[in-house]
C-alpha cells in the first residue's frame, strides 16, 4: 500500500512537471506589436525624436528573429500612427509574410465624415481585423456619430482595441452596453499605473469587475513593462501578481489575450524576460488555460486563421 501511494504521488508529480514543460512548447499569437519608420515622408506622431531606443525604423525583418526565437507563430500589428495612409503601409510591408502577420489593427478617425468610406476600403483586405481608437481633438469620444461608427464597425465583424487614453473603464462599459455585438479588447491591463503605490486598489478592482460583466469585453495582458515605467522593469511575477490575479478572477480564462507591446518593451527589458514572466504566470494554472491565453483566445477574438 505504501509503495502504491508513493507511485501515485510520483506519477502526479511527473504529470504536473510534464504539463509545465508542455506549456513552454505552446505556439504563441502575439497580439500587440508595432511597425513604423520615422524616416518615411510625413514622419511619425510617435515616438518622439528624443526616444533613442524607439525613434528608428521597426520592420518585419526586425521582429522575425524575435518571433523565431520565442515560438511566436502569428502576430497582430497594432497601428502606432494617426496617419490614414499608414494602414495600407502596414498591409503592404507584410504582404509577403501573411502567415506570420495575420492581423492588422488599424487606425481611423472614428466619428469623421470619411469613416464609412475608409473602413470599407480597409475591409477589402481580410487581414484587417479591427481598429484601435485614440484621442483626436477634431473627433471627440461618445458623440452620436462616434457611437454610430462603432455600430458600423461591429456590423462588419471587426473588433475594437481601446488604448485606455481618454477612455476609462466606465467608458468601456458604456460602449459595451451601447454596442453589445462589438468585440472590445482593453489594452495594457487597462492602463493601470503599476509604478504607483496601491495601484491595485478597491476602486480599480470594482471598475474591472463592472466592465467584465459585459461578455463582449476582453482584456489584453500586454504592456506590463510599460505600465511599470521603471528604467528596467521587474522580472519577478510577484510584482505583477495582484494585477494579473484580479484580471483572471473577473475575465476568466476565455477573455484574456497575450500581447508584448514590442518594441516599446525594449525600453524596460527584453522580449525573453517578458515572455518568461508570462510563462511563469501560465504555469500557475494548467495547459488549457495557457493555450487559451497564449493562442486560442486571440484567434477567436480577431477571427484569425488557425495556426499551421
C-alpha atoms as a PDB file:
ATOM      1  CA  UNK A   1       0.000   0.000   0.000  1.00  0.00           C
ATOM      2  CA  UNK A   2       2.808   2.343   0.957  1.00  0.00           C
ATOM      3  CA  UNK A   3       4.560   1.813  -2.359  1.00  0.00           C
ATOM      4  CA  UNK A   4       1.295   2.317  -4.300  1.00  0.00           C
ATOM      5  CA  UNK A   5       0.783   5.726  -2.686  1.00  0.00           C
ATOM      6  CA  UNK A   6       4.368   6.707  -3.437  1.00  0.00           C
ATOM      7  CA  UNK A   7       3.992   5.580  -7.042  1.00  0.00           C
ATOM      8  CA  UNK A   8       0.769   7.565  -7.419  1.00  0.00           C
ATOM      9  CA  UNK A   9       2.422  10.671  -5.965  1.00  0.00           C
ATOM     10  CA  UNK A  10       5.361  10.241  -8.328  1.00  0.00           C
ATOM     11  CA  UNK A  11       3.023   9.892 -11.306  1.00  0.00           C
ATOM     12  CA  UNK A  12       1.143  13.049 -10.306  1.00  0.00           C
ATOM     13  CA  UNK A  13       4.397  14.959  -9.852  1.00  0.00           C
ATOM     14  CA  UNK A  14       5.683  13.729 -13.203  1.00  0.00           C
ATOM     15  CA  UNK A  15       2.409  14.663 -14.904  1.00  0.00           C
ATOM     16  CA  UNK A  16       2.491  18.176 -13.420  1.00  0.00           C
ATOM     17  CA  UNK A  17       6.099  18.645 -14.437  1.00  0.00           C
ATOM     18  CA  UNK A  18       5.383  17.356 -17.939  1.00  0.00           C
ATOM     19  CA  UNK A  19       2.437  19.722 -18.270  1.00  0.00           C
ATOM     20  CA  UNK A  20       4.590  22.695 -17.286  1.00  0.00           C
ATOM     21  CA  UNK A  21       7.174  21.641 -19.845  1.00  0.00           C
ATOM     22  CA  UNK A  22       4.412  21.375 -22.459  1.00  0.00           C
ATOM     23  CA  UNK A  23       3.283  24.923 -21.725  1.00  0.00           C
ATOM     24  CA  UNK A  24       6.688  26.110 -22.902  1.00  0.00           C
ATOM     25  CA  UNK A  25       6.019  24.439 -26.263  1.00  0.00           C
ATOM     26  CA  UNK A  26       2.725  26.225 -26.983  1.00  0.00           C
ATOM     27  CA  UNK A  27       2.765  28.175 -30.239  1.00  0.00           C
ATOM     28  CA  UNK A  28       2.025  31.807 -29.413  1.00  0.00           C
ATOM     29  CA  UNK A  29      -0.005  34.556 -31.068  1.00  0.00           C
ATOM     30  CA  UNK A  30       1.432  37.944 -30.101  1.00  0.00           C
ATOM     31  CA  UNK A  31      -1.438  40.412 -30.488  1.00  0.00           C
ATOM     32  CA  UNK A  32       0.399  43.660 -29.876  1.00  0.00           C
ATOM     33  CA  UNK A  33       3.449  44.814 -31.790  1.00  0.00           C
ATOM     34  CA  UNK A  34       4.184  47.987 -33.762  1.00  0.00           C
ATOM     35  CA  UNK A  35       5.887  48.702 -37.083  1.00  0.00           C
ATOM     36  CA  UNK A  36       6.762  52.245 -38.140  1.00  0.00           C
ATOM     37  CA  UNK A  37       9.573  54.304 -39.659  1.00  0.00           C
ATOM     38  CA  UNK A  38      10.296  57.940 -38.692  1.00  0.00           C
ATOM     39  CA  UNK A  39      12.232  58.365 -41.964  1.00  0.00           C
ATOM     40  CA  UNK A  40       9.127  57.902 -44.119  1.00  0.00           C
ATOM     41  CA  UNK A  41       7.596  61.009 -45.734  1.00  0.00           C
ATOM     42  CA  UNK A  42       5.483  62.770 -43.144  1.00  0.00           C
ATOM     43  CA  UNK A  43       7.354  61.158 -40.270  1.00  0.00           C
ATOM     44  CA  UNK A  44       5.527  59.720 -37.284  1.00  0.00           C
ATOM     45  CA  UNK A  45       3.440  61.207 -34.497  1.00  0.00           C
ATOM     46  CA  UNK A  46       5.033  58.716 -32.095  1.00  0.00           C
ATOM     47  CA  UNK A  47       7.668  58.041 -30.784  1.00  0.00           C
ATOM     48  CA  UNK A  48       9.376  61.395 -30.175  1.00  0.00           C
ATOM     49  CA  UNK A  49      12.839  62.107 -31.552  1.00  0.00           C
ATOM     50  CA  UNK A  50      14.181  62.176 -28.009  1.00  0.00           C
ATOM     51  CA  UNK A  51      13.475  58.463 -27.564  1.00  0.00           C
ATOM     52  CA  UNK A  52      16.812  56.912 -28.502  1.00  0.00           C
ATOM     53  CA  UNK A  53      15.514  53.349 -28.146  1.00  0.00           C
ATOM     54  CA  UNK A  54      12.364  53.653 -30.241  1.00  0.00           C
ATOM     55  CA  UNK A  55      12.949  56.508 -32.688  1.00  0.00           C
ATOM     56  CA  UNK A  56      14.105  54.377 -35.618  1.00  0.00           C
ATOM     57  CA  UNK A  57      12.543  52.105 -38.184  1.00  0.00           C
ATOM     58  CA  UNK A  58      10.899  48.894 -36.978  1.00  0.00           C
ATOM     59  CA  UNK A  59      10.029  46.446 -39.743  1.00  0.00           C
ATOM     60  CA  UNK A  60       9.131  42.768 -40.136  1.00  0.00           C
ATOM     61  CA  UNK A  61      12.824  41.946 -40.570  1.00  0.00           C
ATOM     62  CA  UNK A  62      13.407  43.296 -37.059  1.00  0.00           C
ATOM     63  CA  UNK A  63      10.700  41.176 -35.453  1.00  0.00           C
ATOM     64  CA  UNK A  64      11.125  37.970 -37.447  1.00  0.00           C
ATOM     65  CA  UNK A  65      14.097  36.780 -35.400  1.00  0.00           C
ATOM     66  CA  UNK A  66      12.279  37.603 -32.165  1.00  0.00           C
ATOM     67  CA  UNK A  67       9.334  35.534 -33.394  1.00  0.00           C
ATOM     68  CA  UNK A  68      11.572  32.616 -34.354  1.00  0.00           C
ATOM     69  CA  UNK A  69      13.365  32.564 -31.006  1.00  0.00           C
ATOM     70  CA  UNK A  70      10.189  32.706 -28.939  1.00  0.00           C
ATOM     71  CA  UNK A  71       7.798  30.441 -30.859  1.00  0.00           C
ATOM     72  CA  UNK A  72       5.594  33.343 -31.993  1.00  0.00           C
ATOM     73  CA  UNK A  73       3.713  31.690 -34.846  1.00  0.00           C
ATOM     74  CA  UNK A  74       1.339  34.546 -35.670  1.00  0.00           C
ATOM     75  CA  UNK A  75       1.312  38.256 -34.955  1.00  0.00           C
ATOM     76  CA  UNK A  76      -1.208  41.076 -34.837  1.00  0.00           C
ATOM     77  CA  UNK A  77       0.213  44.508 -35.652  1.00  0.00           C
ATOM     78  CA  UNK A  78      -1.407  47.450 -33.901  1.00  0.00           C
ATOM     79  CA  UNK A  79      -1.205  50.863 -35.547  1.00  0.00           C
ATOM     80  CA  UNK A  80       1.178  53.345 -33.955  1.00  0.00           C
ATOM     81  CA  UNK A  81       0.221  56.312 -36.121  1.00  0.00           C
ATOM     82  CA  UNK A  82      -2.797  58.518 -36.754  1.00  0.00           C
ATOM     83  CA  UNK A  83      -1.938  58.905 -40.463  1.00  0.00           C
ATOM     84  CA  UNK A  84      -4.573  57.138 -42.547  1.00  0.00           C
ATOM     85  CA  UNK A  85      -2.013  56.147 -45.192  1.00  0.00           C
ATOM     86  CA  UNK A  86      -0.114  54.083 -42.624  1.00  0.00           C
ATOM     87  CA  UNK A  87      -2.874  51.485 -42.514  1.00  0.00           C
ATOM     88  CA  UNK A  88      -2.104  50.461 -46.088  1.00  0.00           C
ATOM     89  CA  UNK A  89       1.623  50.738 -45.418  1.00  0.00           C
ATOM     90  CA  UNK A  90       1.330  48.087 -42.699  1.00  0.00           C
ATOM     91  CA  UNK A  91      -0.582  45.806 -45.047  1.00  0.00           C
ATOM     92  CA  UNK A  92       1.951  46.377 -47.831  1.00  0.00           C
ATOM     93  CA  UNK A  93       5.143  45.713 -45.836  1.00  0.00           C
ATOM     94  CA  UNK A  94       3.729  42.414 -44.534  1.00  0.00           C
ATOM     95  CA  UNK A  95       2.049  41.145 -47.707  1.00  0.00           C
ATOM     96  CA  UNK A  96       4.817  38.610 -48.393  1.00  0.00           C
ATOM     97  CA  UNK A  97       4.655  37.221 -44.847  1.00  0.00           C
ATOM     98  CA  UNK A  98       0.929  36.778 -44.364  1.00  0.00           C
ATOM     99  CA  UNK A  99       1.308  33.542 -42.406  1.00  0.00           C
ATOM    100  CA  UNK A 100       3.265  35.375 -39.715  1.00  0.00           C
ATOM    101  CA  UNK A 101       1.479  38.734 -39.787  1.00  0.00           C
ATOM    102  CA  UNK A 102      -2.091  37.515 -39.829  1.00  0.00           C
ATOM    103  CA  UNK A 103      -3.862  40.573 -38.435  1.00  0.00           C
ATOM    104  CA  UNK A 104      -3.670  44.356 -38.655  1.00  0.00           C
ATOM    105  CA  UNK A 105      -5.468  46.552 -36.113  1.00  0.00           C
ATOM    106  CA  UNK A 106      -5.777  49.814 -37.989  1.00  0.00           C
ATOM    107  CA  UNK A 107      -6.423  53.435 -37.238  1.00  0.00           C
ATOM    108  CA  UNK A 108      -9.259  55.611 -38.496  1.00  0.00           C
ATOM    109  CA  UNK A 109     -10.862  58.812 -37.249  1.00  0.00           C
ATOM    110  CA  UNK A 110     -13.976  57.345 -35.658  1.00  0.00           C
ATOM    111  CA  UNK A 111     -16.689  59.981 -35.844  1.00  0.00           C
ATOM    112  CA  UNK A 112     -15.397  61.614 -39.031  1.00  0.00           C
ATOM    113  CA  UNK A 113     -17.374  62.124 -42.260  1.00  0.00           C
ATOM    114  CA  UNK A 114     -14.991  59.847 -44.203  1.00  0.00           C
ATOM    115  CA  UNK A 115     -15.112  56.942 -41.715  1.00  0.00           C
ATOM    116  CA  UNK A 116     -17.533  54.732 -43.668  1.00  0.00           C
ATOM    117  CA  UNK A 117     -15.591  55.014 -46.931  1.00  0.00           C
ATOM    118  CA  UNK A 118     -12.205  54.408 -45.338  1.00  0.00           C
ATOM    119  CA  UNK A 119     -13.483  51.487 -43.280  1.00  0.00           C
ATOM    120  CA  UNK A 120     -14.954  49.837 -46.378  1.00  0.00           C
ATOM    121  CA  UNK A 121     -11.605  50.178 -48.164  1.00  0.00           C
ATOM    122  CA  UNK A 122      -9.699  48.556 -45.307  1.00  0.00           C
ATOM    123  CA  UNK A 123     -12.218  45.728 -45.058  1.00  0.00           C
ATOM    124  CA  UNK A 124     -11.245  44.653 -48.574  1.00  0.00           C
ATOM    125  CA  UNK A 125      -8.132  43.060 -47.041  1.00  0.00           C
ATOM    126  CA  UNK A 126      -9.065  40.086 -44.799  1.00  0.00           C
ATOM    127  CA  UNK A 127      -6.045  40.739 -42.597  1.00  0.00           C
ATOM    128  CA  UNK A 128      -7.604  43.993 -41.426  1.00  0.00           C
ATOM    129  CA  UNK A 129      -9.248  42.783 -38.224  1.00  0.00           C
ATOM    130  CA  UNK A 130     -10.321  45.969 -36.471  1.00  0.00           C
ATOM    131  CA  UNK A 131      -9.476  49.409 -35.147  1.00  0.00           C
ATOM    132  CA  UNK A 132      -7.810  50.946 -32.136  1.00  0.00           C
ATOM    133  CA  UNK A 133      -9.279  54.261 -31.028  1.00  0.00           C
ATOM    134  CA  UNK A 134      -7.053  57.089 -29.866  1.00  0.00           C
ATOM    135  CA  UNK A 135      -7.797  60.685 -28.816  1.00  0.00           C
ATOM    136  CA  UNK A 136      -8.401  63.162 -31.656  1.00  0.00           C
ATOM    137  CA  UNK A 137      -9.209  66.795 -30.996  1.00  0.00           C
ATOM    138  CA  UNK A 138     -11.480  67.057 -34.032  1.00  0.00           C
ATOM    139  CA  UNK A 139     -13.438  63.873 -33.285  1.00  0.00           C
ATOM    140  CA  UNK A 140     -14.184  63.506 -29.563  1.00  0.00           C
ATOM    141  CA  UNK A 141     -15.391  60.290 -27.996  1.00  0.00           C
ATOM    142  CA  UNK A 142     -19.031  59.435 -27.320  1.00  0.00           C
ATOM    143  CA  UNK A 143     -20.658  61.773 -29.830  1.00  0.00           C
ATOM    144  CA  UNK A 144     -23.679  60.316 -31.704  1.00  0.00           C
ATOM    145  CA  UNK A 145     -21.508  59.898 -34.834  1.00  0.00           C
ATOM    146  CA  UNK A 146     -18.751  58.188 -32.806  1.00  0.00           C
ATOM    147  CA  UNK A 147     -21.225  55.647 -31.445  1.00  0.00           C
ATOM    148  CA  UNK A 148     -22.821  55.170 -34.876  1.00  0.00           C
ATOM    149  CA  UNK A 149     -19.409  54.381 -36.375  1.00  0.00           C
ATOM    150  CA  UNK A 150     -18.740  51.783 -33.681  1.00  0.00           C
ATOM    151  CA  UNK A 151     -22.024  50.103 -34.590  1.00  0.00           C
ATOM    152  CA  UNK A 152     -20.885  50.067 -38.223  1.00  0.00           C
ATOM    153  CA  UNK A 153     -17.581  48.511 -37.144  1.00  0.00           C
ATOM    154  CA  UNK A 154     -19.452  45.789 -35.276  1.00  0.00           C
ATOM    155  CA  UNK A 155     -21.785  45.148 -38.198  1.00  0.00           C
ATOM    156  CA  UNK A 156     -18.774  44.427 -40.387  1.00  0.00           C
ATOM    157  CA  UNK A 157     -17.498  41.885 -37.860  1.00  0.00           C
ATOM    158  CA  UNK A 158     -14.466  43.952 -36.894  1.00  0.00           C
ATOM    159  CA  UNK A 159     -13.049  44.485 -33.410  1.00  0.00           C
ATOM    160  CA  UNK A 160     -12.238  47.462 -31.209  1.00  0.00           C
ATOM    161  CA  UNK A 161      -8.976  47.800 -29.277  1.00  0.00           C
ATOM    162  CA  UNK A 162      -9.048  50.555 -26.658  1.00  0.00           C
ATOM    163  CA  UNK A 163      -5.753  52.230 -25.812  1.00  0.00           C
ATOM    164  CA  UNK A 164      -7.161  53.451 -22.470  1.00  0.00           C
ATOM    165  CA  UNK A 165      -6.167  57.053 -23.098  1.00  0.00           C
ATOM    166  CA  UNK A 166      -9.182  59.328 -22.864  1.00  0.00           C
ATOM    167  CA  UNK A 167     -11.499  56.364 -22.270  1.00  0.00           C
ATOM    168  CA  UNK A 168     -11.547  54.891 -18.769  1.00  0.00           C
ATOM    169  CA  UNK A 169     -13.081  51.614 -17.590  1.00  0.00           C
ATOM    170  CA  UNK A 170     -16.568  53.107 -17.052  1.00  0.00           C
ATOM    171  CA  UNK A 171     -16.259  54.485 -20.600  1.00  0.00           C
ATOM    172  CA  UNK A 172     -15.503  50.988 -21.893  1.00  0.00           C
ATOM    173  CA  UNK A 173     -18.600  49.726 -20.099  1.00  0.00           C
ATOM    174  CA  UNK A 174     -20.646  52.477 -21.738  1.00  0.00           C
ATOM    175  CA  UNK A 175     -19.509  51.363 -25.199  1.00  0.00           C
ATOM    176  CA  UNK A 176     -20.040  47.685 -24.382  1.00  0.00           C
ATOM    177  CA  UNK A 177     -23.601  48.349 -23.274  1.00  0.00           C
ATOM    178  CA  UNK A 178     -24.440  50.544 -26.280  1.00  0.00           C
ATOM    179  CA  UNK A 179     -22.898  48.170 -28.859  1.00  0.00           C
ATOM    180  CA  UNK A 180     -23.265  44.655 -27.410  1.00  0.00           C
ATOM    181  CA  UNK A 181     -22.236  42.922 -30.656  1.00  0.00           C
ATOM    182  CA  UNK A 182     -18.907  44.788 -30.799  1.00  0.00           C
ATOM    183  CA  UNK A 183     -15.940  42.752 -29.583  1.00  0.00           C
ATOM    184  CA  UNK A 184     -13.872  45.049 -27.344  1.00  0.00           C
ATOM    185  CA  UNK A 185     -10.307  44.493 -26.164  1.00  0.00           C
ATOM    186  CA  UNK A 186      -8.977  46.595 -23.289  1.00  0.00           C
ATOM    187  CA  UNK A 187      -5.254  47.186 -23.901  1.00  0.00           C
ATOM    188  CA  UNK A 188      -2.336  47.037 -21.464  1.00  0.00           C
ATOM    189  CA  UNK A 189      -4.089  45.676 -18.344  1.00  0.00           C
ATOM    190  CA  UNK A 190      -6.492  48.665 -18.526  1.00  0.00           C
ATOM    191  CA  UNK A 191      -3.637  51.197 -18.443  1.00  0.00           C
ATOM    192  CA  UNK A 192      -3.105  50.541 -14.744  1.00  0.00           C
ATOM    193  CA  UNK A 193      -0.097  52.584 -13.474  1.00  0.00           C
ATOM    194  CA  UNK A 194       1.884  49.778 -11.871  1.00  0.00           C
ATOM    195  CA  UNK A 195       4.592  52.220 -10.800  1.00  0.00           C
ATOM    196  CA  UNK A 196       2.190  53.777  -8.290  1.00  0.00           C
ATOM    197  CA  UNK A 197       1.813  52.575  -4.722  1.00  0.00           C
ATOM    198  CA  UNK A 198      -1.520  50.790  -4.161  1.00  0.00           C
ATOM    199  CA  UNK A 199      -2.341  50.768  -7.874  1.00  0.00           C
ATOM    200  CA  UNK A 200      -4.375  47.586  -7.404  1.00  0.00           C
ATOM    201  CA  UNK A 201      -6.881  49.262  -5.120  1.00  0.00           C
ATOM    202  CA  UNK A 202     -10.563  48.829  -4.306  1.00  0.00           C
ATOM    203  CA  UNK A 203     -11.700  51.395  -6.889  1.00  0.00           C
ATOM    204  CA  UNK A 204      -9.825  49.720  -9.748  1.00  0.00           C
ATOM    205  CA  UNK A 205     -10.991  46.262  -8.700  1.00  0.00           C
ATOM    206  CA  UNK A 206     -14.594  47.441  -8.640  1.00  0.00           C
ATOM    207  CA  UNK A 207     -14.289  49.009 -12.103  1.00  0.00           C
ATOM    208  CA  UNK A 208     -12.683  45.847 -13.505  1.00  0.00           C
ATOM    209  CA  UNK A 209     -15.484  43.759 -12.022  1.00  0.00           C
ATOM    210  CA  UNK A 210     -18.138  46.052 -13.511  1.00  0.00           C
ATOM    211  CA  UNK A 211     -16.706  46.129 -17.041  1.00  0.00           C
ATOM    212  CA  UNK A 212     -16.044  42.375 -17.033  1.00  0.00           C
ATOM    213  CA  UNK A 213     -19.783  41.784 -16.604  1.00  0.00           C
ATOM    214  CA  UNK A 214     -20.167  42.618 -20.298  1.00  0.00           C
ATOM    215  CA  UNK A 215     -19.425  39.404 -22.234  1.00  0.00           C
ATOM    216  CA  UNK A 216     -18.194  41.339 -25.289  1.00  0.00           C
ATOM    217  CA  UNK A 217     -15.308  42.886 -23.309  1.00  0.00           C
ATOM    218  CA  UNK A 218     -11.908  41.156 -23.168  1.00  0.00           C
ATOM    219  CA  UNK A 219      -8.616  42.179 -21.571  1.00  0.00           C
ATOM    220  CA  UNK A 220      -5.202  42.170 -23.238  1.00  0.00           C
ATOM    221  CA  UNK A 221      -2.407  41.326 -20.827  1.00  0.00           C
ATOM    222  CA  UNK A 222       0.145  43.442 -22.596  1.00  0.00           C
ATOM    223  CA  UNK A 223       2.446  46.361 -21.949  1.00  0.00           C
ATOM    224  CA  UNK A 224       3.270  45.252 -18.411  1.00  0.00           C
ATOM    225  CA  UNK A 225       6.783  46.688 -18.615  1.00  0.00           C
ATOM    226  CA  UNK A 226       5.470  49.997 -19.920  1.00  0.00           C
ATOM    227  CA  UNK A 227       2.914  50.212 -17.105  1.00  0.00           C
ATOM    228  CA  UNK A 228       5.722  49.825 -14.566  1.00  0.00           C
ATOM    229  CA  UNK A 229       7.679  52.628 -16.263  1.00  0.00           C
ATOM    230  CA  UNK A 230      10.931  51.867 -14.435  1.00  0.00           C
ATOM    231  CA  UNK A 231      14.245  52.112 -16.321  1.00  0.00           C
ATOM    232  CA  UNK A 232      14.421  48.304 -16.004  1.00  0.00           C
ATOM    233  CA  UNK A 233      11.164  46.523 -15.224  1.00  0.00           C
ATOM    234  CA  UNK A 234      10.903  43.839 -12.511  1.00  0.00           C
ATOM    235  CA  UNK A 235      11.008  40.291 -13.869  1.00  0.00           C
ATOM    236  CA  UNK A 236       9.550  38.647 -10.751  1.00  0.00           C
ATOM    237  CA  UNK A 237       5.947  37.514 -11.208  1.00  0.00           C
ATOM    238  CA  UNK A 238       5.112  38.516  -7.634  1.00  0.00           C
ATOM    239  CA  UNK A 239       5.389  42.197  -8.601  1.00  0.00           C
ATOM    240  CA  UNK A 240       2.513  41.813 -11.105  1.00  0.00           C
ATOM    241  CA  UNK A 241       0.525  39.087  -9.378  1.00  0.00           C
ATOM    242  CA  UNK A 242      -2.171  41.219  -7.709  1.00  0.00           C
ATOM    243  CA  UNK A 243      -2.981  42.885 -11.032  1.00  0.00           C
ATOM    244  CA  UNK A 244      -2.998  39.665 -13.040  1.00  0.00           C
ATOM    245  CA  UNK A 245      -4.968  37.712 -10.450  1.00  0.00           C
ATOM    246  CA  UNK A 246      -7.686  40.384 -10.426  1.00  0.00           C
ATOM    247  CA  UNK A 247      -7.967  40.276 -14.219  1.00  0.00           C
ATOM    248  CA  UNK A 248      -8.187  36.477 -14.327  1.00  0.00           C
ATOM    249  CA  UNK A 249     -10.688  36.420 -11.462  1.00  0.00           C
ATOM    250  CA  UNK A 250     -13.024  38.707 -13.388  1.00  0.00           C
ATOM    251  CA  UNK A 251     -12.470  37.888 -17.064  1.00  0.00           C
ATOM    252  CA  UNK A 252     -11.780  34.186 -16.652  1.00  0.00           C
ATOM    253  CA  UNK A 253      -9.625  32.083 -18.942  1.00  0.00           C
ATOM    254  CA  UNK A 254     -11.667  32.744 -22.100  1.00  0.00           C
ATOM    255  CA  UNK A 255     -11.371  36.550 -22.262  1.00  0.00           C
ATOM    256  CA  UNK A 256      -7.683  37.237 -21.637  1.00  0.00           C
ATOM    257  CA  UNK A 257      -5.204  37.649 -24.506  1.00  0.00           C
ATOM    258  CA  UNK A 258      -1.399  37.807 -24.719  1.00  0.00           C
ATOM    259  CA  UNK A 259       0.449  40.792 -26.178  1.00  0.00           C
ATOM    260  CA  UNK A 260       4.011  42.032 -25.800  1.00  0.00           C
ATOM    261  CA  UNK A 261       3.927  45.687 -26.907  1.00  0.00           C
ATOM    262  CA  UNK A 262       7.177  45.188 -28.843  1.00  0.00           C
ATOM    263  CA  UNK A 263       9.279  47.279 -29.444  1.00  0.00           C
ATOM    264  CA  UNK A 264       8.144  49.502 -26.541  1.00  0.00           C
ATOM    265  CA  UNK A 265       9.106  46.784 -24.066  1.00  0.00           C
ATOM    266  CA  UNK A 266      12.723  47.184 -25.222  1.00  0.00           C
ATOM    267  CA  UNK A 267      12.883  50.386 -23.181  1.00  0.00           C
ATOM    268  CA  UNK A 268      12.490  48.373 -19.997  1.00  0.00           C
ATOM    269  CA  UNK A 269      13.781  44.866 -20.667  1.00  0.00           C
ATOM    270  CA  UNK A 270      13.983  42.119 -23.272  1.00  0.00           C
ATOM    271  CA  UNK A 271      11.372  40.031 -25.061  1.00  0.00           C
ATOM    272  CA  UNK A 272      12.927  36.929 -23.480  1.00  0.00           C
ATOM    273  CA  UNK A 273      12.337  38.317 -19.992  1.00  0.00           C
ATOM    274  CA  UNK A 274       8.817  39.476 -20.815  1.00  0.00           C
ATOM    275  CA  UNK A 275       7.678  36.179 -22.267  1.00  0.00           C
ATOM    276  CA  UNK A 276       9.337  34.236 -19.445  1.00  0.00           C
ATOM    277  CA  UNK A 277       7.382  36.320 -16.944  1.00  0.00           C
ATOM    278  CA  UNK A 278       4.079  35.448 -18.581  1.00  0.00           C
ATOM    279  CA  UNK A 279       5.013  31.798 -18.992  1.00  0.00           C
ATOM    280  CA  UNK A 280       5.523  31.714 -15.204  1.00  0.00           C
ATOM    281  CA  UNK A 281       2.074  33.277 -14.913  1.00  0.00           C
ATOM    282  CA  UNK A 282       0.596  30.499 -17.076  1.00  0.00           C
ATOM    283  CA  UNK A 283       2.258  27.771 -15.014  1.00  0.00           C
ATOM    284  CA  UNK A 284       0.137  28.752 -12.022  1.00  0.00           C
ATOM    285  CA  UNK A 285      -2.781  27.253 -13.954  1.00  0.00           C
ATOM    286  CA  UNK A 286      -2.921  24.382 -16.458  1.00  0.00           C
ATOM    287  CA  UNK A 287      -2.158  23.668 -20.095  1.00  0.00           C
ATOM    288  CA  UNK A 288      -5.677  24.517 -21.291  1.00  0.00           C
ATOM    289  CA  UNK A 289      -5.520  27.919 -19.588  1.00  0.00           C
ATOM    290  CA  UNK A 290      -2.123  28.665 -21.123  1.00  0.00           C
ATOM    291  CA  UNK A 291      -3.180  27.575 -24.609  1.00  0.00           C
ATOM    292  CA  UNK A 292      -6.234  29.837 -24.477  1.00  0.00           C
ATOM    293  CA  UNK A 293      -4.304  32.831 -23.168  1.00  0.00           C
ATOM    294  CA  UNK A 294      -1.306  32.454 -25.480  1.00  0.00           C
ATOM    295  CA  UNK A 295      -3.118  31.429 -28.649  1.00  0.00           C
ATOM    296  CA  UNK A 296      -6.733  30.327 -28.919  1.00  0.00           C
ATOM    297  CA  UNK A 297      -8.450  33.387 -27.430  1.00  0.00           C
ATOM    298  CA  UNK A 298      -6.598  35.673 -29.838  1.00  0.00           C
ATOM    299  CA  UNK A 299      -7.580  33.579 -32.857  1.00  0.00           C
ATOM    300  CA  UNK A 300     -11.225  33.602 -31.791  1.00  0.00           C
ATOM    301  CA  UNK A 301     -11.364  37.301 -30.871  1.00  0.00           C
ATOM    302  CA  UNK A 302      -9.705  38.632 -34.020  1.00  0.00           C
ATOM    303  CA  UNK A 303     -11.072  35.877 -36.281  1.00  0.00           C
ATOM    304  CA  UNK A 304      -7.545  34.899 -37.327  1.00  0.00           C
ATOM    305  CA  UNK A 305      -6.634  31.820 -39.361  1.00  0.00           C
ATOM    306  CA  UNK A 306      -5.828  28.727 -37.335  1.00  0.00           C
ATOM    307  CA  UNK A 307      -2.092  28.173 -36.904  1.00  0.00           C
ATOM    308  CA  UNK A 308      -0.480  25.878 -39.465  1.00  0.00           C
END
